[in-house]
PDB file of N, CA and C in Angstrom:
ATOM      1  N   MET A   1     -14.863 -14.677 -19.139  1.00  0.00           N
ATOM      2  CA  MET A   1     -13.079 -14.112 -18.630  1.00  0.00           C
ATOM      3  C   MET A   1     -12.990 -13.370 -19.865  1.00  0.00           C
ATOM      4  N   LYS A   2     -12.528 -12.097 -19.944  1.00  0.00           N
ATOM      5  CA  LYS A   2     -12.207 -11.284 -20.873  1.00  0.00           C
ATOM      6  C   LYS A   2      -9.948 -10.989 -21.166  1.00  0.00           C
ATOM      7  N   THR A   3      -9.836 -11.631 -22.439  1.00  0.00           N
ATOM      8  CA  THR A   3      -8.241 -11.560 -22.157  1.00  0.00           C
ATOM      9  C   THR A   3      -7.730 -10.500 -22.966  1.00  0.00           C
ATOM     10  N   GLU A   4      -6.151 -10.106 -22.538  1.00  0.00           N
ATOM     11  CA  GLU A   4      -6.081  -8.654 -23.163  1.00  0.00           C
ATOM     12  C   GLU A   4      -4.682  -8.685 -23.301  1.00  0.00           C
ATOM     13  N   THR A   5      -3.656  -8.839 -23.805  1.00  0.00           N
ATOM     14  CA  THR A   5      -2.180  -8.630 -24.105  1.00  0.00           C
ATOM     15  C   THR A   5      -1.638  -6.988 -24.330  1.00  0.00           C
ATOM     16  N   ILE A   6      -0.979  -7.466 -24.009  1.00  0.00           N
ATOM     17  CA  ILE A   6       0.021  -6.061 -23.366  1.00  0.00           C
ATOM     18  C   ILE A   6       1.216  -5.733 -23.303  1.00  0.00           C
ATOM     19  N   GLY A   7       1.878  -4.774 -23.682  1.00  0.00           N
ATOM     20  CA  GLY A   7       3.415  -5.025 -23.115  1.00  0.00           C
ATOM     21  C   GLY A   7       4.096  -4.891 -22.231  1.00  0.00           C
ATOM     22  N   SER A   8       5.152  -4.493 -21.439  1.00  0.00           N
ATOM     23  CA  SER A   8       5.632  -4.592 -20.702  1.00  0.00           C
ATOM     24  C   SER A   8       6.139  -3.562 -20.083  1.00  0.00           C
ATOM     25  N   PHE A   9       6.468  -2.445 -21.195  1.00  0.00           N
ATOM     26  CA  PHE A   9       6.447  -0.831 -20.771  1.00  0.00           C
ATOM     27  C   PHE A   9       4.968  -0.373 -20.712  1.00  0.00           C
ATOM     28  N   ALA A  10       4.018  -0.992 -21.190  1.00  0.00           N
ATOM     29  CA  ALA A  10       2.455  -0.328 -21.586  1.00  0.00           C
ATOM     30  C   ALA A  10       1.659  -0.491 -19.871  1.00  0.00           C
ATOM     31  N   ALA A  11       2.438  -1.794 -19.461  1.00  0.00           N
ATOM     32  CA  ALA A  11       1.947  -2.405 -17.741  1.00  0.00           C
ATOM     33  C   ALA A  11       1.988  -1.598 -16.670  1.00  0.00           C
ATOM     34  N   LYS A  12       3.697  -1.553 -17.248  1.00  0.00           N
ATOM     35  CA  LYS A  12       4.292  -0.706 -16.236  1.00  0.00           C
ATOM     36  C   LYS A  12       4.413   0.282 -16.211  1.00  0.00           C
ATOM     37  N   THR A  13       3.647   1.587 -17.238  1.00  0.00           N
ATOM     38  CA  THR A  13       2.576   2.426 -17.022  1.00  0.00           C
ATOM     39  C   THR A  13       1.523   2.542 -16.683  1.00  0.00           C
ATOM     40  N   HIS A  14       0.412   1.907 -16.984  1.00  0.00           N
ATOM     41  CA  HIS A  14      -0.264   1.957 -16.294  1.00  0.00           C
ATOM     42  C   HIS A  14      -0.313   0.480 -15.329  1.00  0.00           C
ATOM     43  N   PHE A  15       0.041   0.153 -14.627  1.00  0.00           N
ATOM     44  CA  PHE A  15      -0.199  -0.995 -13.742  1.00  0.00           C
ATOM     45  C   PHE A  15      -1.668  -0.971 -12.969  1.00  0.00           C
ATOM     46  N   ALA A  16      -1.564   0.861 -12.385  1.00  0.00           N
ATOM     47  CA  ALA A  16      -2.631   0.956 -11.466  1.00  0.00           C
ATOM     48  C   ALA A  16      -4.585   0.254 -12.018  1.00  0.00           C
ATOM     49  N   ALA A  17      -4.549   0.692 -13.314  1.00  0.00           N
ATOM     50  CA  ALA A  17      -5.708   0.852 -14.227  1.00  0.00           C
ATOM     51  C   ALA A  17      -5.692  -1.023 -14.226  1.00  0.00           C
ATOM     52  N   LEU A  18      -4.785  -0.877 -14.513  1.00  0.00           N
ATOM     53  CA  LEU A  18      -4.476  -3.016 -15.064  1.00  0.00           C
ATOM     54  C   LEU A  18      -4.885  -3.483 -13.856  1.00  0.00           C
ATOM     55  N   LEU A  19      -4.633  -3.231 -13.019  1.00  0.00           N
ATOM     56  CA  LEU A  19      -5.419  -3.802 -11.268  1.00  0.00           C
ATOM     57  C   LEU A  19      -6.794  -3.311 -11.027  1.00  0.00           C
ATOM     58  N   GLU A  20      -7.175  -3.128 -11.199  1.00  0.00           N
ATOM     59  CA  GLU A  20      -8.441  -2.416 -11.137  1.00  0.00           C
ATOM     60  C   GLU A  20      -9.487  -3.172 -12.180  1.00  0.00           C
ATOM     61  N   LYS A  21      -8.675  -3.202 -13.464  1.00  0.00           N
ATOM     62  CA  LYS A  21      -9.490  -4.280 -14.688  1.00  0.00           C
ATOM     63  C   LYS A  21      -9.358  -5.624 -14.127  1.00  0.00           C
ATOM     64  N   ALA A  22      -8.353  -6.198 -13.594  1.00  0.00           N
ATOM     65  CA  ALA A  22      -7.971  -7.451 -13.017  1.00  0.00           C
ATOM     66  C   ALA A  22      -9.134  -8.361 -12.425  1.00  0.00           C
ATOM     67  N   GLN A  23      -9.145  -7.112 -11.067  1.00  0.00           N
ATOM     68  CA  GLN A  23     -10.371  -6.872 -10.505  1.00  0.00           C
ATOM     69  C   GLN A  23     -11.235  -7.377 -10.623  1.00  0.00           C
ATOM     70  N   GLN A  24     -12.156  -6.944 -11.652  1.00  0.00           N
ATOM     71  CA  GLN A  24     -12.961  -6.992 -12.290  1.00  0.00           C
ATOM     72  C   GLN A  24     -13.867  -8.326 -13.894  1.00  0.00           C
ATOM     73  N   GLY A  25     -12.427  -9.499 -13.474  1.00  0.00           N
ATOM     74  CA  GLY A  25     -12.330  -9.987 -14.001  1.00  0.00           C
ATOM     75  C   GLY A  25     -11.506 -10.163 -15.339  1.00  0.00           C
ATOM     76  N   THR A  26     -11.271  -9.289 -16.163  1.00  0.00           N
ATOM     77  CA  THR A  26      -9.560  -9.295 -17.237  1.00  0.00           C
ATOM     78  C   THR A  26      -8.273  -9.691 -16.566  1.00  0.00           C
ATOM     79  N   VAL A  27      -8.534 -10.452 -17.898  1.00  0.00           N
ATOM     80  CA  VAL A  27      -7.011 -11.373 -17.372  1.00  0.00           C
ATOM     81  C   VAL A  27      -5.970 -11.023 -18.806  1.00  0.00           C
ATOM     82  N   PHE A  28      -4.977 -10.038 -18.400  1.00  0.00           N
ATOM     83  CA  PHE A  28      -3.827  -9.188 -19.439  1.00  0.00           C
ATOM     84  C   PHE A  28      -2.535 -10.374 -19.592  1.00  0.00           C
ATOM     85  N   ILE A  29      -2.211 -10.503 -20.669  1.00  0.00           N
ATOM     86  CA  ILE A  29      -1.311 -11.364 -21.096  1.00  0.00           C
ATOM     87  C   ILE A  29      -0.087 -10.251 -21.449  1.00  0.00           C
ATOM     88  N   VAL A  30       0.953 -10.494 -20.417  1.00  0.00           N
ATOM     89  CA  VAL A  30       2.194  -9.666 -20.580  1.00  0.00           C
ATOM     90  C   VAL A  30       3.442 -10.055 -21.974  1.00  0.00           C
ATOM     91  N   THR A  31       3.332  -9.143 -22.430  1.00  0.00           N
ATOM     92  CA  THR A  31       4.451  -9.664 -23.188  1.00  0.00           C
ATOM     93  C   THR A  31       5.695  -8.679 -23.347  1.00  0.00           C
ATOM     94  N   LYS A  32       6.795  -9.783 -23.740  1.00  0.00           N
ATOM     95  CA  LYS A  32       8.297  -8.867 -24.213  1.00  0.00           C
ATOM     96  C   LYS A  32       8.688  -9.019 -25.196  1.00  0.00           C
ATOM     97  N   ARG A  33       8.981  -7.761 -25.944  1.00  0.00           N
ATOM     98  CA  ARG A  33       9.470  -7.768 -26.827  1.00  0.00           C
ATOM     99  C   ARG A  33       8.739  -9.144 -28.021  1.00  0.00           C
ATOM    100  N   GLY A  34       7.404  -8.950 -28.252  1.00  0.00           N
ATOM    101  CA  GLY A  34       5.858  -9.955 -28.688  1.00  0.00           C
ATOM    102  C   GLY A  34       6.002 -11.494 -28.048  1.00  0.00           C
ATOM    103  N   HIS A  35       6.812 -11.519 -27.009  1.00  0.00           N
ATOM    104  CA  HIS A  35       7.215 -12.746 -26.324  1.00  0.00           C
ATOM    105  C   HIS A  35       6.001 -13.035 -25.693  1.00  0.00           C
ATOM    106  N   PRO A  36       5.036 -14.060 -24.751  1.00  0.00           N
ATOM    107  CA  PRO A  36       4.092 -13.686 -23.403  1.00  0.00           C
ATOM    108  C   PRO A  36       5.102 -14.724 -22.973  1.00  0.00           C
ATOM    109  N   VAL A  37       5.661 -13.689 -20.918  1.00  0.00           N
ATOM    110  CA  VAL A  37       5.860 -13.903 -20.188  1.00  0.00           C
ATOM    111  C   VAL A  37       5.227 -13.596 -19.467  1.00  0.00           C
ATOM    112  N   ALA A  38       4.017 -13.174 -18.846  1.00  0.00           N
ATOM    113  CA  ALA A  38       3.264 -12.813 -17.475  1.00  0.00           C
ATOM    114  C   ALA A  38       2.019 -12.867 -18.071  1.00  0.00           C
ATOM    115  N   GLN A  39       1.339 -13.627 -17.134  1.00  0.00           N
ATOM    116  CA  GLN A  39       0.081 -13.574 -17.076  1.00  0.00           C
ATOM    117  C   GLN A  39      -0.604 -12.395 -14.930  1.00  0.00           C
ATOM    118  N   LEU A  40      -1.723 -11.691 -15.787  1.00  0.00           N
ATOM    119  CA  LEU A  40      -2.434 -11.029 -14.546  1.00  0.00           C
ATOM    120  C   LEU A  40      -3.931 -11.347 -14.250  1.00  0.00           C
ATOM    121  N   GLY A  41      -4.477 -11.854 -13.624  1.00  0.00           N
ATOM    122  CA  GLY A  41      -5.625 -12.033 -13.495  1.00  0.00           C
ATOM    123  C   GLY A  41      -6.347 -11.043 -12.691  1.00  0.00           C
ATOM    124  N   PRO A  42      -7.879 -12.029 -11.739  1.00  0.00           N
ATOM    125  CA  PRO A  42      -8.256 -12.203 -10.486  1.00  0.00           C
ATOM    126  C   PRO A  42      -7.127 -12.817 -10.214  1.00  0.00           C
ATOM    127  N   THR A  43      -7.539 -13.291  -8.737  1.00  0.00           N
ATOM    128  CA  THR A  43      -7.400 -14.233  -7.769  1.00  0.00           C
ATOM    129  C   THR A  43      -8.051 -15.795  -7.675  1.00  0.00           C
ATOM    130  N   ASP A  44      -7.850 -16.257  -7.501  1.00  0.00           N
ATOM    131  CA  ASP A  44      -9.486 -17.215  -7.123  1.00  0.00           C
ATOM    132  C   ASP A  44     -10.081 -16.921  -5.497  1.00  0.00           C
ATOM    133  N   GLN A  45      -9.028 -16.362  -4.511  1.00  0.00           N
ATOM    134  CA  GLN A  45      -9.647 -15.781  -3.036  1.00  0.00           C
ATOM    135  C   GLN A  45      -9.882 -14.738  -2.696  1.00  0.00           C
ATOM    136  N   ARG A  46     -11.531 -13.990  -2.254  1.00  0.00           N
ATOM    137  CA  ARG A  46     -10.896 -12.753  -2.238  1.00  0.00           C
ATOM    138  C   ARG A  46     -11.497 -12.265  -1.634  1.00  0.00           C
ATOM    139  N   GLY A  47     -10.312 -11.979  -0.784  1.00  0.00           N
ATOM    140  CA  GLY A  47     -10.771 -11.106   0.773  1.00  0.00           C
ATOM    141  C   GLY A  47     -11.019 -12.810   1.437  1.00  0.00           C
ATOM    142  N   ALA A  48     -10.227 -13.465   1.515  1.00  0.00           N
ATOM    143  CA  ALA A  48      -9.961 -15.009   2.384  1.00  0.00           C
ATOM    144  C   ALA A  48      -9.855 -14.214   3.697  1.00  0.00           C
ATOM    145  N   ARG A  49     -10.849 -14.440   4.862  1.00  0.00           N
ATOM    146  CA  ARG A  49      -9.918 -13.964   6.331  1.00  0.00           C
ATOM    147  C   ARG A  49      -9.524 -15.892   7.052  1.00  0.00           C
ATOM    148  N   PRO A  50      -8.814 -15.573   7.613  1.00  0.00           N
ATOM    149  CA  PRO A  50      -8.133 -15.876   8.379  1.00  0.00           C
ATOM    150  C   PRO A  50      -9.151 -16.749   9.840  1.00  0.00           C
ATOM    151  N   ARG A  51      -9.102 -18.096  10.081  1.00  0.00           N
ATOM    152  CA  ARG A  51     -10.299 -18.718  10.502  1.00  0.00           C
ATOM    153  C   ARG A  51      -9.708 -18.513  12.138  1.00  0.00           C
ATOM    154  N   PHE A  52      -9.673 -18.058  12.712  1.00  0.00           N
ATOM    155  CA  PHE A  52      -9.480 -18.232  14.607  1.00  0.00           C
ATOM    156  C   PHE A  52      -9.553 -19.344  14.974  1.00  0.00           C
ATOM    157  N   GLY A  53      -8.632 -19.827  15.652  1.00  0.00           N
ATOM    158  CA  GLY A  53      -8.588 -21.226  16.939  1.00  0.00           C
ATOM    159  C   GLY A  53      -8.721 -22.297  15.745  1.00  0.00           C
ATOM    160  N   SER A  54      -8.373 -22.563  14.023  1.00  0.00           N
ATOM    161  CA  SER A  54      -8.178 -23.352  13.427  1.00  0.00           C
ATOM    162  C   SER A  54      -6.840 -24.183  13.488  1.00  0.00           C
ATOM    163  N   ALA A  55      -6.214 -23.691  14.316  1.00  0.00           N
ATOM    164  CA  ALA A  55      -5.161 -24.947  14.734  1.00  0.00           C
ATOM    165  C   ALA A  55      -5.450 -25.068  16.467  1.00  0.00           C
ATOM    166  N   LYS A  56      -6.917 -25.485  17.191  1.00  0.00           N
ATOM    167  CA  LYS A  56      -6.750 -25.346  18.326  1.00  0.00           C
ATOM    168  C   LYS A  56      -6.481 -26.961  18.243  1.00  0.00           C
ATOM    169  N   GLY A  57      -6.038 -27.315  19.480  1.00  0.00           N
ATOM    170  CA  GLY A  57      -5.573 -28.565  19.822  1.00  0.00           C
ATOM    171  C   GLY A  57      -4.401 -29.490  18.540  1.00  0.00           C
ATOM    172  N   ARG A  58      -3.811 -28.478  17.829  1.00  0.00           N
ATOM    173  CA  ARG A  58      -2.474 -29.428  16.708  1.00  0.00           C
ATOM    174  C   ARG A  58      -1.523 -28.798  17.099  1.00  0.00           C
ATOM    175  N   VAL A  59      -1.492 -27.479  18.159  1.00  0.00           N
ATOM    176  CA  VAL A  59       0.118 -27.079  18.872  1.00  0.00           C
ATOM    177  C   VAL A  59      -0.111 -27.574  20.608  1.00  0.00           C
ATOM    178  N   ARG A  60       1.110 -28.314  21.094  1.00  0.00           N
ATOM    179  CA  ARG A  60       1.439 -28.434  22.389  1.00  0.00           C
ATOM    180  C   ARG A  60       2.521 -27.446  23.111  1.00  0.00           C
ATOM    181  N   MET A  61       2.764 -27.767  23.758  1.00  0.00           N
ATOM    182  CA  MET A  61       3.680 -26.814  24.867  1.00  0.00           C
ATOM    183  C   MET A  61       3.847 -28.163  26.005  1.00  0.00           C
ATOM    184  N   THR A  62       5.234 -28.144  26.273  1.00  0.00           N
ATOM    185  CA  THR A  62       5.379 -29.114  27.757  1.00  0.00           C
ATOM    186  C   THR A  62       5.776 -28.247  28.492  1.00  0.00           C
ATOM    187  N   VAL A  63       5.808 -28.628  29.765  1.00  0.00           N
ATOM    188  CA  VAL A  63       5.871 -27.949  31.327  1.00  0.00           C
ATOM    189  C   VAL A  63       6.730 -27.204  31.169  1.00  0.00           C
ATOM    190  N   ASP A  64       7.744 -26.911  30.836  1.00  0.00           N
ATOM    191  CA  ASP A  64       8.975 -26.282  31.162  1.00  0.00           C
ATOM    192  C   ASP A  64       9.345 -25.663  29.774  1.00  0.00           C
ATOM    193  N   PHE A  65       8.726 -24.980  28.748  1.00  0.00           N
ATOM    194  CA  PHE A  65       8.741 -24.799  27.416  1.00  0.00           C
ATOM    195  C   PHE A  65       9.537 -23.174  28.003  1.00  0.00           C
ATOM    196  N   ASP A  66       8.979 -22.633  29.232  1.00  0.00           N
ATOM    197  CA  ASP A  66       9.553 -21.197  29.027  1.00  0.00           C
ATOM    198  C   ASP A  66      11.399 -21.524  30.653  1.00  0.00           C
ATOM    199  N   ALA A  67      11.437 -22.762  30.121  1.00  0.00           N
ATOM    200  CA  ALA A  67      12.103 -22.875  31.681  1.00  0.00           C
ATOM    201  C   ALA A  67      13.623 -22.206  31.020  1.00  0.00           C
ATOM    202  N   PRO A  68      14.428 -21.524  31.791  1.00  0.00           N
ATOM    203  CA  PRO A  68      16.128 -20.810  31.579  1.00  0.00           C
ATOM    204  C   PRO A  68      17.571 -22.295  30.945  1.00  0.00           C
ATOM    205  N   LEU A  69      17.401 -22.507  29.569  1.00  0.00           N
ATOM    206  CA  LEU A  69      17.970 -22.554  29.701  1.00  0.00           C
ATOM    207  C   LEU A  69      19.417 -23.351  29.922  1.00  0.00           C
ATOM    208  N   ALA A  70      20.465 -24.316  29.797  1.00  0.00           N
ATOM    209  CA  ALA A  70      21.661 -24.209  30.663  1.00  0.00           C
ATOM    210  C   ALA A  70      22.421 -23.453  29.701  1.00  0.00           C
ATOM    211  N   ASP A  71      22.322 -23.747  28.255  1.00  0.00           N
ATOM    212  CA  ASP A  71      23.758 -22.673  26.891  1.00  0.00           C
ATOM    213  C   ASP A  71      23.329 -21.235  27.438  1.00  0.00           C
ATOM    214  N   MET A  72      22.527 -21.023  28.391  1.00  0.00           N
ATOM    215  CA  MET A  72      22.960 -19.395  28.766  1.00  0.00           C
ATOM    216  C   MET A  72      22.712 -19.162  29.951  1.00  0.00           C
ATOM    217  N   ALA A  73      23.555 -20.109  30.347  1.00  0.00           N
ATOM    218  CA  ALA A  73      23.295 -19.316  32.642  1.00  0.00           C
ATOM    219  C   ALA A  73      24.586 -17.931  32.785  1.00  0.00           C
ATOM    220  N   GLU A  74      25.501 -18.095  31.820  1.00  0.00           N
ATOM    221  CA  GLU A  74      27.030 -17.730  31.925  1.00  0.00           C
ATOM    222  C   GLU A  74      25.694 -16.081  31.768  1.00  0.00           C
ATOM    223  N   TYR A  75      24.586 -15.932  31.037  1.00  0.00           N
ATOM    224  CA  TYR A  75      24.044 -14.729  30.759  1.00  0.00           C
ATOM    225  C   TYR A  75      23.133 -14.539  31.462  1.00  0.00           C
ATOM    226  N   GLU A  76      23.000 -15.108  32.501  1.00  0.00           N
ATOM    227  CA  GLU A  76      21.442 -14.623  33.910  1.00  0.00           C
ATOM    228  C   GLU A  76      22.197 -13.526  34.484  1.00  0.00           C
ATOM    229  N   ALA A  77      22.067 -12.174  34.959  1.00  0.00           N
ATOM    230  CA  ALA A  77      22.138 -11.498  36.178  1.00  0.00           C
ATOM    231  C   ALA A  77      22.219 -11.964  37.422  1.00  0.00           C
TER     232      ALA A  77
END
């Protein structure tokens, strides 16, 4: 992985280009007044998609989950 150092002003000015390079694997160390303050680079998960049905069997609802609440009786029409 290639690593580059860039100042905060230049990073702000060229952010879109930095994102493109980071997507290709370059890691940027962002500095402020010569001191490193942040790191910009590719993520570990690329395009992770949700797994539908992964909570099946974990969520339970009681039979009366949609019954009116006693506290709300005065608002019913």
